[in-house]
Amino acid sequence: PTRRPPHSPTTLSHMAPDADVVVRFSVVSFAPQGVRLALVGSCAALGDWSLEKAVILQPRLGHTRLGSEPDFHWADVAVPGAGVEYKFVEISDNGVRWEDLGGSHNRIL
């Protein structure tokens, strides 16, 4: 019998450079009611770092959650493979609060 190598899942680093892949971005947050969480990043699908084009995350519980509990926020976005940089942001009537990862660091796929 012929032996096959074990199956390994495809990772972003093994994707063709021009192939889009759908990624579920998610975060758990204690942000107060009325604050929207969004995703902004280095590709067109994530707004090219423009807050006006940011992807708004969907809350799991929304207005039904208690103020003392966190909510799970998510969005499925087709991005162009590996090397995409991004951050989560909080958007409210008082302005925007960017995720602080220390210095000028971003998350990277």
Protein backbone atom coordinates (compact mmCIF):
# COMPACT_ATOMS: atom_id res chain seq x y z
CA PRO A 1 0.00 0.00 0.00
CA THR A 2 1.08 3.55 -0.75
CA ARG A 3 1.52 5.79 2.27
CA ARG A 4 0.30 9.34 2.05
CA PRO A 5 1.67 12.19 4.10
CA PRO A 6 -0.71 13.42 6.78
CA HIS A 7 -3.07 16.14 5.65
CA SER A 8 -2.08 19.58 6.78
CA PRO A 9 -4.42 22.56 6.67
CA THR A 10 -3.71 25.39 4.27
CA THR A 11 -2.16 28.36 6.00
CA LEU A 12 -2.09 31.92 4.74
CA SER A 13 1.65 31.67 4.07
CA HIS A 14 0.95 28.86 1.57
CA MET A 15 -1.71 30.80 -0.36
CA ALA A 16 -1.06 32.18 -3.83
CA PRO A 17 -0.18 35.88 -3.53
CA ASP A 18 -3.26 36.98 -5.51
CA ALA A 19 -5.74 34.59 -3.82
CA ASP A 20 -8.32 36.07 -1.45
CA VAL A 21 -9.14 34.14 1.69
CA VAL A 22 -12.11 34.69 4.00
CA VAL A 23 -10.95 35.36 7.55
CA ARG A 24 -13.17 35.62 10.62
CA PHE A 25 -11.86 38.52 12.67
CA SER A 26 -13.13 38.47 16.25
CA VAL A 27 -12.58 40.17 19.56
CA VAL A 28 -14.14 40.06 23.03
CA SER A 29 -14.79 43.49 24.47
CA PHE A 30 -16.23 45.25 27.51
CA ALA A 31 -16.89 48.37 25.41
CA PRO A 32 -19.96 50.21 26.74
CA GLN A 33 -23.32 50.25 24.95
CA GLY A 34 -23.31 52.62 21.99
CA VAL A 35 -19.67 52.00 21.12
CA ARG A 36 -19.14 50.26 17.78
CA LEU A 37 -16.13 48.03 17.25
CA ALA A 38 -14.54 48.06 13.83
CA LEU A 39 -11.61 46.68 11.91
CA VAL A 40 -9.28 48.77 9.76
CA GLY A 41 -6.18 47.67 7.92
CA SER A 42 -3.70 47.70 5.08
CA CYS A 43 -5.88 46.37 2.23
CA ALA A 44 -8.96 47.67 0.41
CA ALA A 45 -11.21 45.09 2.12
CA LEU A 46 -10.18 46.58 5.50
CA GLY A 47 -10.47 50.20 4.39
CA ASP A 48 -6.81 50.94 3.51
CA TRP A 49 -6.43 52.45 7.03
CA SER A 50 -9.39 54.81 6.40
CA LEU A 51 -11.85 54.94 9.31
CA GLU A 52 -14.62 55.93 6.88
CA LYS A 53 -14.15 52.55 5.16
CA ALA A 54 -13.63 50.45 8.30
CA VAL A 55 -15.47 47.13 8.66
CA ILE A 56 -18.01 47.34 11.50
CA LEU A 57 -17.98 44.19 13.67
CA GLN A 58 -21.23 42.45 14.55
CA PRO A 59 -21.92 41.99 18.29
CA ARG A 60 -23.21 38.60 19.42
CA LEU A 61 -25.34 39.92 22.28
CA GLY A 62 -25.64 43.59 21.39
CA HIS A 63 -28.15 45.50 23.53
CA THR A 64 -29.22 42.33 25.37
CA ARG A 65 -25.96 42.00 27.30
CA LEU A 66 -25.46 43.21 30.83
CA GLY A 67 -23.07 46.10 31.29
CA SER A 68 -20.86 43.94 33.49
CA GLU A 69 -20.30 41.24 30.86
CA PRO A 70 -18.23 41.25 27.68
CA ASP A 71 -19.56 40.78 24.17
CA PHE A 72 -18.12 38.81 21.27
CA HIS A 73 -17.75 40.88 18.07
CA TRP A 74 -16.93 39.44 14.64
CA ALA A 75 -16.80 39.98 10.88
CA ASP A 76 -15.96 37.66 8.00
CA VAL A 77 -13.82 39.48 5.42
CA ALA A 78 -12.16 38.31 2.19
CA VAL A 79 -8.58 39.59 2.35
CA PRO A 80 -5.70 39.16 -0.10
CA GLY A 81 -3.71 36.41 1.64
CA ALA A 82 -0.80 36.85 4.03
CA GLY A 83 0.91 40.05 5.10
CA VAL A 84 -2.26 42.06 5.79
CA GLU A 85 -1.90 44.39 8.78
CA TYR A 86 -4.88 45.49 10.86
CA LYS A 87 -6.15 46.90 14.14
CA PHE A 88 -9.41 46.93 16.04
CA VAL A 89 -10.90 50.34 16.82
CA GLU A 90 -13.71 51.60 19.04
CA ILE A 91 -15.95 54.23 17.44
CA SER A 92 -18.24 56.38 19.58
CA ASP A 93 -19.77 59.86 19.66
CA ASN A 94 -16.64 60.93 21.57
CA GLY A 95 -14.28 59.89 18.76
CA VAL A 96 -12.15 56.88 17.89
CA ARG A 97 -9.92 54.82 20.13
CA TRP A 98 -7.30 52.78 18.25
CA GLU A 99 -6.13 49.44 19.62
CA ASP A 100 -2.84 49.98 21.46
CA LEU A 101 -0.38 47.20 20.70
CA GLY A 102 2.63 49.17 21.91
CA GLY A 103 4.28 51.76 19.74
CA SER A 104 3.31 51.58 16.09
CA HIS A 105 2.73 47.83 16.02
CA ASN A 106 -0.16 46.27 14.14
CA ARG A 107 -1.68 42.81 14.02
CA ILE A 108 -0.47 40.82 10.99
CA LEU A 109 -2.03 37.87 9.18
